[in-house]
Amino acid sequence: MASLDDPTPSTIDDPVYRTGVLELLGLLAYGEISACERLAEDAKMAPDLRNKVEIAAMATAEFGHFEKLRDHLVAMGEDPFEVMLPFAATFERFHRQTRPSDWLEGLVKAYVGDGLAADFYREIAAYLDADTRELVLDTLSGTGHSDFVIDAIRGAIDDDHRVGGRLALWGRRLMGEALSQAQMVVAERDALSTVLVGGVDHPGMDLAGIGRMFTRLTEAHAARMDKLGLAA
């Protein structure tokens, strides 16, 4: 069996595996450009210029991640926009169902959503060939603005303790919607599912392993909420 660090041509060139990798990269690329767009919208709700600049910096980082994915897809001989297009409805549905009503909800969504997505992709990255895994992990490198979000949310709670309860409920809603969308994507994409469950030439997870993955995602979400001073 080929190792993850030295994939054989039968793994990396296998058409089903390649399709699964393209689906993953298309999903990730659309998520990055969608996050950039949503952050730009959220910046309009910022209470002052300092906060607008912080959100603009987060959006810029997301766009930088998108560029890496786009360039990699081009290097693979693919049209990145065609690869991304099948996931438009997924993200539009998620954003439609989780539209923030104010600045604080937008911050929680950016922080929780970005963290959950990163955890999900890191889990999948463990079952990818070395080059694709390196790209995915590089794309998920932190934006460096989490302290800004944590300070803003905790400061708002200190000013008005009622905010904590409302944002905690919001965080639970975000988690539920995000997990639902993730499960739906995996279930609908046969090639992506094959990357997860593995095959003759590369390892993967069994159904129990997939269940444990979603448990880890839930636990990481609870830890993230705790950093914000919110109950998961």
Protein backbone atom coordinates (compact mmCIF):
# COMPACT_ATOMS: atom_id res chain seq x y z
CA MET A 1 0.00 0.00 0.00
CA ALA A 2 1.33 3.46 -0.84
CA SER A 3 2.11 5.76 2.05
CA LEU A 4 0.50 9.16 2.39
CA ASP A 5 3.88 10.81 1.99
CA ASP A 6 4.74 8.96 -1.22
CA PRO A 7 1.57 8.39 -3.24
CA THR A 8 1.93 6.08 -6.21
CA PRO A 9 0.57 7.04 -9.63
CA SER A 10 -2.30 4.61 -9.04
CA THR A 11 -3.40 6.85 -6.17
CA ILE A 12 -2.82 10.38 -7.41
CA ASP A 13 -3.75 9.60 -11.01
CA ASP A 14 -6.73 7.43 -10.22
CA PRO A 15 -9.73 9.19 -11.85
CA VAL A 16 -12.03 8.71 -8.84
CA TYR A 17 -9.39 9.97 -6.41
CA ARG A 18 -8.59 12.92 -8.67
CA THR A 19 -12.27 13.81 -8.91
CA GLY A 20 -12.53 13.66 -5.12
CA VAL A 21 -9.54 15.96 -4.74
CA LEU A 22 -11.00 18.40 -7.27
CA GLU A 23 -14.29 18.39 -5.38
CA LEU A 24 -12.48 19.10 -2.12
CA LEU A 25 -10.44 21.93 -3.63
CA GLY A 26 -13.50 23.38 -5.34
CA LEU A 27 -15.41 23.27 -2.07
CA LEU A 28 -12.54 24.90 -0.20
CA ALA A 29 -11.97 27.56 -2.88
CA TYR A 30 -15.64 28.53 -2.97
CA GLY A 31 -15.66 28.67 0.80
CA GLU A 32 -12.71 31.07 0.82
CA ILE A 33 -14.15 33.47 -1.74
CA SER A 34 -17.55 33.26 -0.07
CA ALA A 35 -15.99 34.09 3.31
CA CYS A 36 -14.19 37.04 1.74
CA GLU A 37 -17.46 38.35 0.32
CA ARG A 38 -19.37 37.89 3.57
CA LEU A 39 -16.67 39.59 5.63
CA ALA A 40 -16.78 42.56 3.28
CA GLU A 41 -20.53 42.75 3.89
CA ASP A 42 -20.07 42.41 7.66
CA ALA A 43 -17.60 45.30 7.64
CA LYS A 44 -20.51 47.60 6.78
CA MET A 45 -22.00 46.84 10.22
CA ALA A 46 -18.77 47.65 12.07
CA PRO A 47 -19.24 50.34 14.74
CA ASP A 48 -16.08 52.27 13.86
CA LEU A 49 -13.20 52.54 11.42
CA ARG A 50 -10.81 50.45 13.53
CA ASN A 51 -13.17 47.50 13.40
CA LYS A 52 -13.81 47.99 9.69
CA VAL A 53 -10.08 47.74 9.07
CA GLU A 54 -9.79 44.56 11.15
CA ILE A 55 -12.57 42.89 9.17
CA ALA A 56 -11.09 44.10 5.88
CA ALA A 57 -7.78 42.46 6.88
CA MET A 58 -9.60 39.18 7.56
CA ALA A 59 -11.30 39.37 4.15
CA THR A 60 -7.94 40.03 2.48
CA ALA A 61 -6.46 36.94 4.13
CA GLU A 62 -9.35 34.81 2.87
CA PHE A 63 -8.80 36.11 -0.66
CA GLY A 64 -5.12 35.23 -0.42
CA HIS A 65 -6.07 31.66 0.46
CA PHE A 66 -8.46 31.55 -2.50
CA GLU A 67 -5.67 32.64 -4.85
CA LYS A 68 -3.48 29.72 -3.78
CA LEU A 69 -6.28 27.26 -4.48
CA ARG A 70 -7.15 28.89 -7.79
CA ASP A 71 -3.55 28.77 -8.96
CA HIS A 72 -3.20 25.13 -7.94
CA LEU A 73 -6.31 24.16 -9.88
CA VAL A 74 -4.98 25.97 -12.93
CA ALA A 75 -1.69 24.08 -12.56
CA MET A 76 -3.71 20.85 -12.55
CA GLY A 77 -5.14 21.86 -15.92
CA GLU A 78 -8.58 22.70 -14.53
CA ASP A 79 -10.82 25.74 -14.82
CA PRO A 80 -11.08 26.75 -11.14
CA PHE A 81 -14.45 28.44 -11.59
CA GLU A 82 -15.98 25.36 -13.17
CA VAL A 83 -14.62 23.27 -10.30
CA MET A 84 -16.07 25.71 -7.75
CA LEU A 85 -19.48 26.20 -9.36
CA PRO A 86 -21.17 23.00 -8.08
CA PHE A 87 -20.78 24.28 -4.51
CA ALA A 88 -22.41 27.66 -5.01
CA ALA A 89 -25.81 26.43 -3.85
CA THR A 90 -24.31 24.85 -0.71
CA PHE A 91 -22.75 28.07 0.50
CA GLU A 92 -25.64 30.27 -0.55
CA ARG A 93 -27.99 28.02 1.41
CA PHE A 94 -25.77 28.16 4.48
CA HIS A 95 -25.39 31.95 4.36
CA ARG A 96 -29.11 32.45 3.73
CA GLN A 97 -29.95 30.40 6.81
CA THR A 98 -27.30 32.05 8.99
CA ARG A 99 -27.52 35.71 8.06
CA PRO A 100 -26.29 37.76 11.06
CA SER A 101 -28.64 40.39 12.40
CA ASP A 102 -25.92 42.62 13.82
CA TRP A 103 -22.19 43.21 14.11
CA LEU A 104 -21.63 40.79 16.99
CA GLU A 105 -23.43 37.92 15.29
CA GLY A 106 -21.30 38.55 12.22
CA LEU A 107 -18.12 38.30 14.29
CA VAL A 108 -19.24 35.04 15.94
CA LYS A 109 -20.15 33.61 12.54
CA ALA A 110 -16.77 34.52 11.07
CA TYR A 111 -14.86 33.06 14.02
CA VAL A 112 -16.94 29.92 14.55
CA GLY A 113 -17.53 29.23 10.87
CA ASP A 114 -13.89 29.66 9.88
CA GLY A 115 -12.73 27.47 12.75
CA LEU A 116 -15.22 24.69 12.05
CA ALA A 117 -14.38 24.68 8.34
CA ALA A 118 -10.66 24.53 9.13
CA ASP A 119 -11.18 21.59 11.49
CA PHE A 120 -13.25 19.75 8.87
CA TYR A 121 -10.70 20.21 6.09
CA ARG A 122 -7.80 19.26 8.36
CA GLU A 123 -9.56 16.00 9.15
CA ILE A 124 -9.91 15.23 5.45
CA ALA A 125 -6.34 16.37 4.71
CA ALA A 126 -4.99 13.42 6.66
CA TYR A 127 -6.19 11.14 3.85
CA LEU A 128 -4.80 13.13 0.92
CA ASP A 129 -1.60 12.77 -1.05
CA ALA A 130 1.30 14.84 0.27
CA ASP A 131 1.10 17.71 -2.23
CA THR A 132 -2.65 18.21 -1.85
CA ARG A 133 -2.42 17.89 1.93
CA GLU A 134 0.28 20.56 2.07
CA LEU A 135 -1.85 22.91 -0.05
CA VAL A 136 -4.94 22.39 2.11
CA LEU A 137 -3.06 22.90 5.37
CA ASP A 138 -1.33 25.99 3.99
CA THR A 139 -4.69 27.39 2.94
CA LEU A 140 -6.02 26.84 6.45
CA SER A 141 -3.21 28.76 8.10
CA GLY A 142 -4.66 31.26 10.56
CA THR A 143 -5.54 34.77 9.55
CA GLY A 144 -4.01 36.10 12.79
CA HIS A 145 -7.14 38.02 13.75
CA SER A 146 -8.75 35.62 16.22
CA ASP A 147 -7.61 37.71 19.20
CA PHE A 148 -9.49 40.68 17.77
CA VAL A 149 -12.74 38.69 17.60
CA ILE A 150 -12.30 37.20 21.06
CA ASP A 151 -11.63 40.59 22.62
CA ALA A 152 -14.61 42.17 20.84
CA ILE A 153 -17.07 39.46 21.92
CA ARG A 154 -15.82 39.27 25.49
CA GLY A 155 -15.88 43.05 25.73
CA ALA A 156 -19.49 43.13 24.54
CA ILE A 157 -20.45 40.53 27.14
CA ASP A 158 -18.75 42.53 29.87
CA ASP A 159 -20.76 45.58 28.82
CA ASP A 160 -24.06 43.68 28.72
CA HIS A 161 -24.28 40.14 30.09
CA ARG A 162 -27.52 39.53 28.17
CA VAL A 163 -25.45 39.51 24.99
CA GLY A 164 -23.80 36.26 26.07
CA GLY A 165 -27.00 34.25 26.09
CA ARG A 166 -28.09 35.52 22.69
CA LEU A 167 -24.72 34.85 21.08
CA ALA A 168 -24.49 31.40 22.66
CA LEU A 169 -27.79 30.44 21.00
CA TRP A 170 -26.49 31.90 17.75
CA GLY A 171 -23.31 29.82 18.00
CA ARG A 172 -25.34 26.64 18.48
CA ARG A 173 -27.41 27.47 15.44
CA LEU A 174 -24.28 28.05 13.37
CA MET A 175 -22.83 24.72 14.48
CA GLY A 176 -26.00 22.84 13.62
CA GLU A 177 -26.28 24.39 10.16
CA ALA A 178 -22.59 23.90 9.40
CA LEU A 179 -22.57 20.23 10.40
CA SER A 180 -25.72 19.64 8.39
CA GLN A 181 -24.18 21.18 5.28
CA ALA A 182 -20.91 19.25 5.76
CA GLN A 183 -22.73 15.94 6.08
CA MET A 184 -24.85 16.76 3.04
CA VAL A 185 -21.82 17.58 0.90
CA VAL A 186 -20.03 14.35 1.84
CA ALA A 187 -23.17 12.30 1.21
CA GLU A 188 -23.88 13.91 -2.18
CA ARG A 189 -20.32 13.67 -3.56
CA ASP A 190 -19.36 10.06 -4.24
CA ALA A 191 -15.76 10.81 -5.20
CA LEU A 192 -15.21 13.00 -2.14
CA SER A 193 -16.73 10.27 0.03
CA THR A 194 -14.32 7.79 -1.55
CA VAL A 195 -11.38 9.99 -0.54
CA LEU A 196 -12.66 9.83 3.03
CA VAL A 197 -13.41 6.11 3.22
CA GLY A 198 -10.31 5.17 1.22
CA GLY A 199 -9.58 2.43 -1.27
CA VAL A 200 -7.03 -0.14 -2.28
CA ASP A 201 -4.29 2.44 -2.85
CA HIS A 202 -4.92 4.85 0.01
CA PRO A 203 -6.21 4.60 3.59
CA GLY A 204 -9.44 6.11 4.85
CA MET A 205 -12.03 6.09 7.61
CA ASP A 206 -14.76 3.56 8.23
CA LEU A 207 -18.24 4.67 9.30
CA ALA A 208 -17.23 4.60 12.96
CA GLY A 209 -14.24 6.78 12.13
CA ILE A 210 -16.44 9.30 10.36
CA GLY A 211 -18.66 9.40 13.43
CA ARG A 212 -15.64 10.07 15.63
CA MET A 213 -14.57 12.84 13.26
CA PHE A 214 -17.86 14.66 13.74
CA THR A 215 -17.52 14.17 17.51
CA ARG A 216 -14.10 15.85 17.36
CA LEU A 217 -15.57 18.70 15.34
CA THR A 218 -18.23 19.21 18.01
CA GLU A 219 -15.66 19.18 20.81
CA ALA A 220 -13.45 21.69 19.00
CA HIS A 221 -16.47 23.94 18.51
CA ALA A 222 -17.19 23.84 22.26
CA ALA A 223 -13.60 24.87 23.00
CA ARG A 224 -13.86 27.71 20.48
CA MET A 225 -17.06 28.97 22.05
CA ASP A 226 -15.43 28.86 25.47
CA LYS A 227 -12.68 31.18 24.20
CA LEU A 228 -15.40 33.63 23.25
CA GLY A 229 -16.91 33.38 26.72
CA LEU A 230 -19.99 31.60 25.35
CA ALA A 231 -21.64 28.36 26.37
CA ALA A 232 -21.70 25.76 23.60
